[in-house]
Amino acid sequence: VLGPSAETGGWGLLLVDQLATRWGVTERDSGGKSVWAVVTTCGGSEA
């Protein structure tokens, strides 16, 4: 979940959202998920 939580802090994904060019979550067919982020040398969004 993107956003702070009183129980866990929850600031990590807000940092990822600010630092990464893009990020997301992909559910896996075998169960579970992949949380991913792209960091680029050019900064900002890619076209």
All heavy atoms as atom14 arrays in JSON, in Angstrom:
{
  "sequence": "VLGPSAETGGWGLLLVDQLATRWGVTERDSGGKSVWAVVTTCGGSEA",
  "atom14_mask": [
    [1, 1, 1, 1, 1, 1, 1, 0, 0, 0, 0, 0, 0, 0],
    [1, 1, 1, 1, 1, 1, 1, 1, 0, 0, 0, 0, 0, 0],
    [1, 1, 1, 1, 0, 0, 0, 0, 0, 0, 0, 0, 0, 0],
    [1, 1, 1, 1, 1, 1, 1, 0, 0, 0, 0, 0, 0, 0],
    [1, 1, 1, 1, 1, 1, 0, 0, 0, 0, 0, 0, 0, 0],
    [1, 1, 1, 1, 1, 0, 0, 0, 0, 0, 0, 0, 0, 0],
    [1, 1, 1, 1, 1, 1, 1, 1, 1, 0, 0, 0, 0, 0],
    [1, 1, 1, 1, 1, 1, 1, 0, 0, 0, 0, 0, 0, 0],
    [1, 1, 1, 1, 0, 0, 0, 0, 0, 0, 0, 0, 0, 0],
    [1, 1, 1, 1, 0, 0, 0, 0, 0, 0, 0, 0, 0, 0],
    [1, 1, 1, 1, 1, 1, 1, 1, 1, 1, 1, 1, 1, 1],
    [1, 1, 1, 1, 0, 0, 0, 0, 0, 0, 0, 0, 0, 0],
    [1, 1, 1, 1, 1, 1, 1, 1, 0, 0, 0, 0, 0, 0],
    [1, 1, 1, 1, 1, 1, 1, 1, 0, 0, 0, 0, 0, 0],
    [1, 1, 1, 1, 1, 1, 1, 1, 0, 0, 0, 0, 0, 0],
    [1, 1, 1, 1, 1, 1, 1, 0, 0, 0, 0, 0, 0, 0],
    [1, 1, 1, 1, 1, 1, 1, 1, 0, 0, 0, 0, 0, 0],
    [1, 1, 1, 1, 1, 1, 1, 1, 1, 0, 0, 0, 0, 0],
    [1, 1, 1, 1, 1, 1, 1, 1, 0, 0, 0, 0, 0, 0],
    [1, 1, 1, 1, 1, 0, 0, 0, 0, 0, 0, 0, 0, 0],
    [1, 1, 1, 1, 1, 1, 1, 0, 0, 0, 0, 0, 0, 0],
    [1, 1, 1, 1, 1, 1, 1, 1, 1, 1, 1, 0, 0, 0],
    [1, 1, 1, 1, 1, 1, 1, 1, 1, 1, 1, 1, 1, 1],
    [1, 1, 1, 1, 0, 0, 0, 0, 0, 0, 0, 0, 0, 0],
    [1, 1, 1, 1, 1, 1, 1, 0, 0, 0, 0, 0, 0, 0],
    [1, 1, 1, 1, 1, 1, 1, 0, 0, 0, 0, 0, 0, 0],
    [1, 1, 1, 1, 1, 1, 1, 1, 1, 0, 0, 0, 0, 0],
    [1, 1, 1, 1, 1, 1, 1, 1, 1, 1, 1, 0, 0, 0],
    [1, 1, 1, 1, 1, 1, 1, 1, 0, 0, 0, 0, 0, 0],
    [1, 1, 1, 1, 1, 1, 0, 0, 0, 0, 0, 0, 0, 0],
    [1, 1, 1, 1, 0, 0, 0, 0, 0, 0, 0, 0, 0, 0],
    [1, 1, 1, 1, 0, 0, 0, 0, 0, 0, 0, 0, 0, 0],
    [1, 1, 1, 1, 1, 1, 1, 1, 1, 0, 0, 0, 0, 0],
    [1, 1, 1, 1, 1, 1, 0, 0, 0, 0, 0, 0, 0, 0],
    [1, 1, 1, 1, 1, 1, 1, 0, 0, 0, 0, 0, 0, 0],
    [1, 1, 1, 1, 1, 1, 1, 1, 1, 1, 1, 1, 1, 1],
    [1, 1, 1, 1, 1, 0, 0, 0, 0, 0, 0, 0, 0, 0],
    [1, 1, 1, 1, 1, 1, 1, 0, 0, 0, 0, 0, 0, 0],
    [1, 1, 1, 1, 1, 1, 1, 0, 0, 0, 0, 0, 0, 0],
    [1, 1, 1, 1, 1, 1, 1, 0, 0, 0, 0, 0, 0, 0],
    [1, 1, 1, 1, 1, 1, 1, 0, 0, 0, 0, 0, 0, 0],
    [1, 1, 1, 1, 1, 1, 0, 0, 0, 0, 0, 0, 0, 0],
    [1, 1, 1, 1, 0, 0, 0, 0, 0, 0, 0, 0, 0, 0],
    [1, 1, 1, 1, 0, 0, 0, 0, 0, 0, 0, 0, 0, 0],
    [1, 1, 1, 1, 1, 1, 0, 0, 0, 0, 0, 0, 0, 0],
    [1, 1, 1, 1, 1, 1, 1, 1, 1, 0, 0, 0, 0, 0],
    [1, 1, 1, 1, 1, 0, 0, 0, 0, 0, 0, 0, 0, 0]
  ],
  "atom14_positions": [
    [[0.86, -1.19, 0.0], [0.0, 0.0, 0.0], [0.89, 1.24, 0.0], [1.82, 1.34, 0.81], [-0.92, 0.0, 1.24], [-1.77, 1.26, 1.29], [-1.79, -1.24, 1.24], [0.0, 0.0, 0.0], [0.0, 0.0, 0.0], [0.0, 0.0, 0.0], [0.0, 0.0, 0.0], [0.0, 0.0, 0.0], [0.0, 0.0, 0.0], [0.0, 0.0, 0.0]],
    [[0.59, 2.15, -0.89], [1.35, 3.4, -0.98], [0.82, 4.35, 0.08], [-0.34, 4.75, 0.03], [1.21, 4.01, -2.37], [1.96, 5.3, -2.64], [3.46, 5.06, -2.57], [1.59, 5.86, -4.0], [0.0, 0.0, 0.0], [0.0, 0.0, 0.0], [0.0, 0.0, 0.0], [0.0, 0.0, 0.0], [0.0, 0.0, 0.0], [0.0, 0.0, 0.0]],
    [[1.64, 4.68, 1.05], [1.22, 5.62, 2.09], [1.59, 5.13, 3.46], [1.77, 3.94, 3.69], [0.0, 0.0, 0.0], [0.0, 0.0, 0.0], [0.0, 0.0, 0.0], [0.0, 0.0, 0.0], [0.0, 0.0, 0.0], [0.0, 0.0, 0.0], [0.0, 0.0, 0.0], [0.0, 0.0, 0.0], [0.0, 0.0, 0.0], [0.0, 0.0, 0.0]],
    [[1.7, 6.06, 4.4], [2.12, 5.71, 5.76], [1.07, 4.91, 6.51], [-0.12, 5.07, 6.28], [2.38, 7.06, 6.41], [1.57, 8.02, 5.63], [1.49, 7.48, 4.24], [0.0, 0.0, 0.0], [0.0, 0.0, 0.0], [0.0, 0.0, 0.0], [0.0, 0.0, 0.0], [0.0, 0.0, 0.0], [0.0, 0.0, 0.0], [0.0, 0.0, 0.0]],
    [[1.55, 4.07, 7.41], [0.69, 3.28, 8.28], [1.16, 3.5, 9.7], [2.36, 3.49, 9.97], [0.8, 1.8, 7.91], [0.32, 1.0, 8.95], [0.0, 0.0, 0.0], [0.0, 0.0, 0.0], [0.0, 0.0, 0.0], [0.0, 0.0, 0.0], [0.0, 0.0, 0.0], [0.0, 0.0, 0.0], [0.0, 0.0, 0.0], [0.0, 0.0, 0.0]],
    [[0.23, 3.68, 10.61], [0.59, 3.92, 12.0], [1.36, 2.73, 12.58], [2.24, 2.9, 13.41], [-0.67, 4.18, 12.83], [0.0, 0.0, 0.0], [0.0, 0.0, 0.0], [0.0, 0.0, 0.0], [0.0, 0.0, 0.0], [0.0, 0.0, 0.0], [0.0, 0.0, 0.0], [0.0, 0.0, 0.0], [0.0, 0.0, 0.0], [0.0, 0.0, 0.0]],
    [[1.06, 1.51, 12.11], [1.7, 0.32, 12.65], [3.12, 0.1, 12.13], [3.98, -0.36, 12.85], [0.87, -0.92, 12.31], [-0.46, -0.97, 13.01], [-1.26, -2.18, 12.57], [-0.68, -3.12, 12.0], [-2.48, -2.17, 12.79], [0.0, 0.0, 0.0], [0.0, 0.0, 0.0], [0.0, 0.0, 0.0], [0.0, 0.0, 0.0], [0.0, 0.0, 0.0]],
    [[3.36, 0.37, 10.87], [4.62, -0.03, 10.25], [5.47, 1.11, 9.72], [6.54, 0.87, 9.21], [4.34, -0.98, 9.08], [3.57, -0.29, 8.1], [3.63, -2.23, 9.54], [0.0, 0.0, 0.0], [0.0, 0.0, 0.0], [0.0, 0.0, 0.0], [0.0, 0.0, 0.0], [0.0, 0.0, 0.0], [0.0, 0.0, 0.0], [0.0, 0.0, 0.0]],
    [[5.03, 2.31, 9.81], [5.77, 3.42, 9.21], [5.25, 3.69, 7.82], [4.62, 4.69, 7.57], [0.0, 0.0, 0.0], [0.0, 0.0, 0.0], [0.0, 0.0, 0.0], [0.0, 0.0, 0.0], [0.0, 0.0, 0.0], [0.0, 0.0, 0.0], [0.0, 0.0, 0.0], [0.0, 0.0, 0.0], [0.0, 0.0, 0.0], [0.0, 0.0, 0.0]],
    [[5.53, 2.77, 6.9], [4.93, 2.82, 5.58], [5.43, 3.9, 4.65], [4.79, 4.19, 3.65], [0.0, 0.0, 0.0], [0.0, 0.0, 0.0], [0.0, 0.0, 0.0], [0.0, 0.0, 0.0], [0.0, 0.0, 0.0], [0.0, 0.0, 0.0], [0.0, 0.0, 0.0], [0.0, 0.0, 0.0], [0.0, 0.0, 0.0], [0.0, 0.0, 0.0]],
    [[6.58, 4.48, 4.93], [7.09, 5.55, 4.07], [7.9, 5.02, 2.9], [8.23, 5.76, 1.97], [7.94, 6.53, 4.89], [7.13, 7.23, 5.92], [7.05, 6.93, 7.25], [6.25, 8.33, 5.72], [6.19, 7.77, 7.88], [5.68, 8.66, 6.96], [5.89, 9.09, 4.6], [4.77, 9.69, 7.13], [4.99, 10.12, 4.77], [4.44, 10.42, 6.01]],
    [[8.26, 3.76, 2.92], [9.15, 3.19, 1.91], [8.66, 3.33, 0.49], [9.39, 3.75, -0.4], [0.0, 0.0, 0.0], [0.0, 0.0, 0.0], [0.0, 0.0, 0.0], [0.0, 0.0, 0.0], [0.0, 0.0, 0.0], [0.0, 0.0, 0.0], [0.0, 0.0, 0.0], [0.0, 0.0, 0.0], [0.0, 0.0, 0.0], [0.0, 0.0, 0.0]],
    [[7.4, 2.97, 0.24], [6.88, 3.07, -1.13], [6.72, 4.52, -1.57], [6.8, 4.8, -2.76], [5.57, 2.31, -1.27], [5.71, 0.8, -1.32], [4.35, 0.14, -1.45], [6.61, 0.35, -2.45], [0.0, 0.0, 0.0], [0.0, 0.0, 0.0], [0.0, 0.0, 0.0], [0.0, 0.0, 0.0], [0.0, 0.0, 0.0], [0.0, 0.0, 0.0]],
    [[6.5, 5.43, -0.63], [6.46, 6.85, -1.01], [7.83, 7.29, -1.51], [7.93, 8.05, -2.49], [6.01, 7.71, 0.17], [4.54, 7.57, 0.55], [4.25, 8.32, 1.85], [3.65, 8.09, -0.57], [0.0, 0.0, 0.0], [0.0, 0.0, 0.0], [0.0, 0.0, 0.0], [0.0, 0.0, 0.0], [0.0, 0.0, 0.0], [0.0, 0.0, 0.0]],
    [[8.89, 6.8, -0.87], [10.25, 7.1, -1.34], [10.49, 6.49, -2.72], [11.02, 7.15, -3.61], [11.29, 6.56, -0.36], [11.52, 7.35, 0.9], [12.43, 6.58, 1.85], [12.12, 8.7, 0.59], [0.0, 0.0, 0.0], [0.0, 0.0, 0.0], [0.0, 0.0, 0.0], [0.0, 0.0, 0.0], [0.0, 0.0, 0.0], [0.0, 0.0, 0.0]],
    [[10.08, 5.23, -2.88], [10.24, 4.56, -4.18], [9.5, 5.34, -5.25], [10.01, 5.56, -6.35], [9.75, 3.09, -4.1], [9.7, 2.46, -5.49], [10.65, 2.28, -3.17], [0.0, 0.0, 0.0], [0.0, 0.0, 0.0], [0.0, 0.0, 0.0], [0.0, 0.0, 0.0], [0.0, 0.0, 0.0], [0.0, 0.0, 0.0], [0.0, 0.0, 0.0]],
    [[8.29, 5.78, -4.94], [7.47, 6.54, -5.89], [8.17, 7.84, -6.32], [8.09, 8.24, -7.47], [6.11, 6.85, -5.26], [5.13, 7.45, -6.25], [4.88, 6.82, -7.3], [4.62, 8.55, -5.97], [0.0, 0.0, 0.0], [0.0, 0.0, 0.0], [0.0, 0.0, 0.0], [0.0, 0.0, 0.0], [0.0, 0.0, 0.0], [0.0, 0.0, 0.0]],
    [[8.88, 8.47, -5.4], [9.58, 9.71, -5.7], [10.91, 9.47, -6.44], [11.29, 10.27, -7.28], [9.86, 10.49, -4.41], [8.62, 11.04, -3.76], [7.91, 12.05, -4.64], [8.52, 13.0, -5.11], [6.63, 11.84, -4.88], [0.0, 0.0, 0.0], [0.0, 0.0, 0.0], [0.0, 0.0, 0.0], [0.0, 0.0, 0.0], [0.0, 0.0, 0.0]],
    [[11.58, 8.38, -6.14], [12.92, 8.15, -6.68], [12.95, 7.39, -8.0], [13.83, 7.6, -8.82], [13.77, 7.39, -5.66], [14.07, 8.14, -4.36], [14.73, 7.19, -3.37], [14.95, 9.35, -4.62], [0.0, 0.0, 0.0], [0.0, 0.0, 0.0], [0.0, 0.0, 0.0], [0.0, 0.0, 0.0], [0.0, 0.0, 0.0], [0.0, 0.0, 0.0]],
    [[12.01, 6.48, -8.18], [12.02, 5.63, -9.37], [11.36, 6.34, -10.55], [10.46, 7.16, -10.37], [11.28, 4.32, -9.08], [0.0, 0.0, 0.0], [0.0, 0.0, 0.0], [0.0, 0.0, 0.0], [0.0, 0.0, 0.0], [0.0, 0.0, 0.0], [0.0, 0.0, 0.0], [0.0, 0.0, 0.0], [0.0, 0.0, 0.0], [0.0, 0.0, 0.0]],
    [[11.81, 6.01, -11.74], [11.19, 6.52, -12.95], [9.76, 5.98, -13.05], [8.84, 6.69, -13.43], [12.01, 6.09, -14.19], [13.33, 6.59, -14.02], [11.41, 6.62, -15.46], [0.0, 0.0, 0.0], [0.0, 0.0, 0.0], [0.0, 0.0, 0.0], [0.0, 0.0, 0.0], [0.0, 0.0, 0.0], [0.0, 0.0, 0.0], [0.0, 0.0, 0.0]],
    [[9.62, 4.69, -12.7], [8.3, 4.07, -12.62], [8.42, 2.85, -11.72], [9.53, 2.34, -11.52], [7.76, 3.69, -14.0], [8.58, 2.69, -14.77], [8.08, 2.51, -16.21], [8.83, 1.49, -16.9], [10.0, 1.65, -17.47], [10.59, 2.83, -17.43], [10.61, 0.66, -18.08], [0.0, 0.0, 0.0], [0.0, 0.0, 0.0], [0.0, 0.0, 0.0]],
    [[7.29, 2.41, -11.17], [7.3, 1.23, -10.32], [5.91, 0.61, -10.35], [4.95, 1.23, -10.81], [7.74, 1.55, -8.89], [6.72, 2.3, -8.08], [6.49, 3.65, -8.08], [5.77, 1.74, -7.18], [5.47, 3.97, -7.23], [5.0, 2.8, -6.66], [5.49, 0.45, -6.75], [3.98, 2.61, -5.74], [4.47, 0.25, -5.83], [3.73, 1.34, -5.33]],
    [[5.82, -0.63, -9.89], [4.53, -1.29, -9.87], [4.59, -2.63, -9.17], [5.63, -3.02, -8.62], [0.0, 0.0, 0.0], [0.0, 0.0, 0.0], [0.0, 0.0, 0.0], [0.0, 0.0, 0.0], [0.0, 0.0, 0.0], [0.0, 0.0, 0.0], [0.0, 0.0, 0.0], [0.0, 0.0, 0.0], [0.0, 0.0, 0.0], [0.0, 0.0, 0.0]],
    [[3.47, -3.32, -9.24], [3.33, -4.64, -8.63], [2.75, -5.58, -9.67], [1.79, -5.22, -10.36], [2.4, -4.6, -7.4], [2.28, -5.98, -6.77], [2.86, -3.57, -6.4], [0.0, 0.0, 0.0], [0.0, 0.0, 0.0], [0.0, 0.0, 0.0], [0.0, 0.0, 0.0], [0.0, 0.0, 0.0], [0.0, 0.0, 0.0], [0.0, 0.0, 0.0]],
    [[3.32, -6.76, -9.79], [2.82, -7.77, -10.71], [2.53, -9.03, -9.91], [3.41, -9.51, -9.19], [3.88, -8.07, -11.8], [4.25, -6.85, -12.44], [3.34, -9.06, -12.81], [0.0, 0.0, 0.0], [0.0, 0.0, 0.0], [0.0, 0.0, 0.0], [0.0, 0.0, 0.0], [0.0, 0.0, 0.0], [0.0, 0.0, 0.0], [0.0, 0.0, 0.0]],
    [[1.31, -9.52, -10.01], [0.97, -10.78, -9.35], [1.58, -11.92, -10.14], [1.66, -11.87, -11.37], [-0.54, -10.92, -9.25], [-1.17, -9.89, -8.33], [-2.66, -10.04, -8.18], [-3.15, -11.19, -8.18], [-3.34, -9.01, -8.08], [0.0, 0.0, 0.0], [0.0, 0.0, 0.0], [0.0, 0.0, 0.0], [0.0, 0.0, 0.0], [0.0, 0.0, 0.0]],
    [[2.03, -12.96, -9.43], [2.66, -14.11, -10.07], [1.65, -15.25, -10.18], [0.84, -15.46, -9.28], [3.88, -14.57, -9.28], [4.94, -13.5, -9.19], [6.19, -13.94, -8.5], [5.91, -14.76, -7.33], [6.84, -15.39, -6.64], [8.1, -15.3, -6.99], [6.55, -16.1, -5.58], [0.0, 0.0, 0.0], [0.0, 0.0, 0.0], [0.0, 0.0, 0.0]],
    [[1.73, -15.99, -11.27], [0.82, -17.13, -11.48], [0.97, -18.18, -10.39], [0.01, -18.84, -10.01], [1.08, -17.78, -12.84], [0.67, -16.88, -14.0], [-0.18, -15.99, -13.79], [1.2, -17.06, -15.11], [0.0, 0.0, 0.0], [0.0, 0.0, 0.0], [0.0, 0.0, 0.0], [0.0, 0.0, 0.0], [0.0, 0.0, 0.0], [0.0, 0.0, 0.0]],
    [[2.18, -18.34, -9.87], [2.45, -19.36, -8.86], [2.12, -18.88, -7.45], [2.41, -19.57, -6.48], [3.92, -19.77, -8.92], [4.74, -18.63, -8.68], [0.0, 0.0, 0.0], [0.0, 0.0, 0.0], [0.0, 0.0, 0.0], [0.0, 0.0, 0.0], [0.0, 0.0, 0.0], [0.0, 0.0, 0.0], [0.0, 0.0, 0.0], [0.0, 0.0, 0.0]],
    [[1.5, -17.71, -7.34], [1.21, -17.13, -6.03], [2.27, -16.11, -5.66], [3.41, -16.19, -6.08], [0.0, 0.0, 0.0], [0.0, 0.0, 0.0], [0.0, 0.0, 0.0], [0.0, 0.0, 0.0], [0.0, 0.0, 0.0], [0.0, 0.0, 0.0], [0.0, 0.0, 0.0], [0.0, 0.0, 0.0], [0.0, 0.0, 0.0], [0.0, 0.0, 0.0]],
    [[1.87, -15.15, -4.9], [2.79, -14.1, -4.5], [2.81, -12.97, -5.51], [1.91, -12.83, -6.33], [0.0, 0.0, 0.0], [0.0, 0.0, 0.0], [0.0, 0.0, 0.0], [0.0, 0.0, 0.0], [0.0, 0.0, 0.0], [0.0, 0.0, 0.0], [0.0, 0.0, 0.0], [0.0, 0.0, 0.0], [0.0, 0.0, 0.0], [0.0, 0.0, 0.0]],
    [[3.86, -12.17, -5.43], [3.93, -10.97, -6.26], [5.38, -10.59, -6.52], [6.29, -11.08, -5.88], [3.22, -9.82, -5.56], [3.93, -9.41, -4.28], [3.16, -8.38, -3.52], [3.72, -8.14, -2.14], [3.74, -9.29, -1.26], [0.0, 0.0, 0.0], [0.0, 0.0, 0.0], [0.0, 0.0, 0.0], [0.0, 0.0, 0.0], [0.0, 0.0, 0.0]],
    [[5.52, -9.67, -7.46], [6.79, -9.03, -7.74], [6.55, -7.53, -7.62], [5.65, -6.99, -8.27], [7.25, -9.37, -9.15], [8.31, -8.53, -9.52], [0.0, 0.0, 0.0], [0.0, 0.0, 0.0], [0.0, 0.0, 0.0], [0.0, 0.0, 0.0], [0.0, 0.0, 0.0], [0.0, 0.0, 0.0], [0.0, 0.0, 0.0], [0.0, 0.0, 0.0]],
    [[7.3, -6.87, -6.76], [7.26, -5.41, -6.68], [8.53, -4.94, -7.37], [9.62, -5.41, -7.07], [7.2, -4.92, -5.21], [7.08, -3.4, -5.17], [6.05, -5.58, -4.46], [0.0, 0.0, 0.0], [0.0, 0.0, 0.0], [0.0, 0.0, 0.0], [0.0, 0.0, 0.0], [0.0, 0.0, 0.0], [0.0, 0.0, 0.0], [0.0, 0.0, 0.0]],
    [[8.36, -4.05, -8.34], [9.49, -3.65, -9.17], [9.57, -2.13, -9.29], [8.59, -1.43, -9.08], [9.38, -4.28, -10.55], [8.07, -3.96, -11.25], [6.92, -4.68, -11.19], [7.8, -2.82, -12.04], [5.94, -4.05, -11.92], [6.45, -2.91, -12.46], [8.56, -1.72, -12.46], [5.84, -1.94, -13.26], [7.95, -0.75, -13.26], [6.61, -0.88, -13.65]],
    [[10.77, -1.68, -9.6], [11.0, -0.24, -9.83], [12.11, -0.1, -10.86], [13.05, -0.9, -10.9], [11.39, 0.45, -8.52], [0.0, 0.0, 0.0], [0.0, 0.0, 0.0], [0.0, 0.0, 0.0], [0.0, 0.0, 0.0], [0.0, 0.0, 0.0], [0.0, 0.0, 0.0], [0.0, 0.0, 0.0], [0.0, 0.0, 0.0], [0.0, 0.0, 0.0]],
    [[11.99, 0.94, -11.66], [13.02, 1.26, -12.65], [13.7, 2.56, -12.23], [13.04, 3.56, -11.97], [12.4, 1.4, -14.06], [13.45, 1.84, -15.07], [11.76, 0.07, -14.49], [0.0, 0.0, 0.0], [0.0, 0.0, 0.0], [0.0, 0.0, 0.0], [0.0, 0.0, 0.0], [0.0, 0.0, 0.0], [0.0, 0.0, 0.0], [0.0, 0.0, 0.0]],
    [[15.02, 2.5, -12.17], [15.84, 3.67, -11.86], [16.67, 3.96, -13.09], [17.34, 3.06, -13.62], [16.76, 3.39, -10.64], [17.63, 4.59, -10.34], [15.93, 3.01, -9.41], [0.0, 0.0, 0.0], [0.0, 0.0, 0.0], [0.0, 0.0, 0.0], [0.0, 0.0, 0.0], [0.0, 0.0, 0.0], [0.0, 0.0, 0.0], [0.0, 0.0, 0.0]],
    [[16.59, 5.19, -13.57], [17.31, 5.54, -14.8], [18.36, 6.61, -14.56], [18.28, 7.38, -13.6], [16.33, 6.02, -15.9], [15.65, 7.18, -15.42], [15.33, 4.95, -16.25], [0.0, 0.0, 0.0], [0.0, 0.0, 0.0], [0.0, 0.0, 0.0], [0.0, 0.0, 0.0], [0.0, 0.0, 0.0], [0.0, 0.0, 0.0], [0.0, 0.0, 0.0]],
    [[19.29, 6.67, -15.49], [20.34, 7.68, -15.42], [19.85, 9.05, -15.84], [20.42, 10.06, -15.46], [21.54, 7.29, -16.32], [21.05, 7.08, -17.64], [22.2, 6.03, -15.82], [0.0, 0.0, 0.0], [0.0, 0.0, 0.0], [0.0, 0.0, 0.0], [0.0, 0.0, 0.0], [0.0, 0.0, 0.0], [0.0, 0.0, 0.0], [0.0, 0.0, 0.0]],
    [[18.77, 9.09, -16.62], [18.28, 10.37, -17.13], [17.31, 11.05, -16.18], [16.99, 12.21, -16.37], [17.64, 10.2, -18.51], [16.32, 9.0, -18.56], [0.0, 0.0, 0.0], [0.0, 0.0, 0.0], [0.0, 0.0, 0.0], [0.0, 0.0, 0.0], [0.0, 0.0, 0.0], [0.0, 0.0, 0.0], [0.0, 0.0, 0.0], [0.0, 0.0, 0.0]],
    [[16.82, 10.34, -15.14], [15.87, 10.93, -14.2], [14.57, 11.25, -14.88], [14.5, 11.43, -16.08], [0.0, 0.0, 0.0], [0.0, 0.0, 0.0], [0.0, 0.0, 0.0], [0.0, 0.0, 0.0], [0.0, 0.0, 0.0], [0.0, 0.0, 0.0], [0.0, 0.0, 0.0], [0.0, 0.0, 0.0], [0.0, 0.0, 0.0], [0.0, 0.0, 0.0]],
    [[13.51, 11.3, -14.14], [12.19, 11.6, -14.72], [11.65, 10.45, -15.53], [12.26, 9.4, -15.65], [0.0, 0.0, 0.0], [0.0, 0.0, 0.0], [0.0, 0.0, 0.0], [0.0, 0.0, 0.0], [0.0, 0.0, 0.0], [0.0, 0.0, 0.0], [0.0, 0.0, 0.0], [0.0, 0.0, 0.0], [0.0, 0.0, 0.0], [0.0, 0.0, 0.0]],
    [[10.49, 10.66, -16.11], [9.8, 9.6, -16.83], [10.4, 9.38, -18.2], [10.87, 10.29, -18.86], [8.32, 9.96, -17.0], [7.72, 10.08, -15.74], [0.0, 0.0, 0.0], [0.0, 0.0, 0.0], [0.0, 0.0, 0.0], [0.0, 0.0, 0.0], [0.0, 0.0, 0.0], [0.0, 0.0, 0.0], [0.0, 0.0, 0.0], [0.0, 0.0, 0.0]],
    [[10.35, 8.12, -18.62], [10.76, 7.79, -19.98], [9.55, 7.91, -20.88], [8.44, 7.68, -20.47], [11.29, 6.35, -20.04], [12.57, 6.16, -19.27], [12.99, 4.72, -19.28], [12.16, 3.84, -19.06], [14.17, 4.47, -19.52], [0.0, 0.0, 0.0], [0.0, 0.0, 0.0], [0.0, 0.0, 0.0], [0.0, 0.0, 0.0], [0.0, 0.0, 0.0]],
    [[9.77, 8.25, -22.11], [8.66, 8.39, -23.05], [8.22, 7.06, -23.56], [8.9, 6.11, -23.56], [9.09, 9.27, -24.2], [0.0, 0.0, 0.0], [0.0, 0.0, 0.0], [0.0, 0.0, 0.0], [0.0, 0.0, 0.0], [0.0, 0.0, 0.0], [0.0, 0.0, 0.0], [0.0, 0.0, 0.0], [0.0, 0.0, 0.0], [0.0, 0.0, 0.0]]
  ]
}
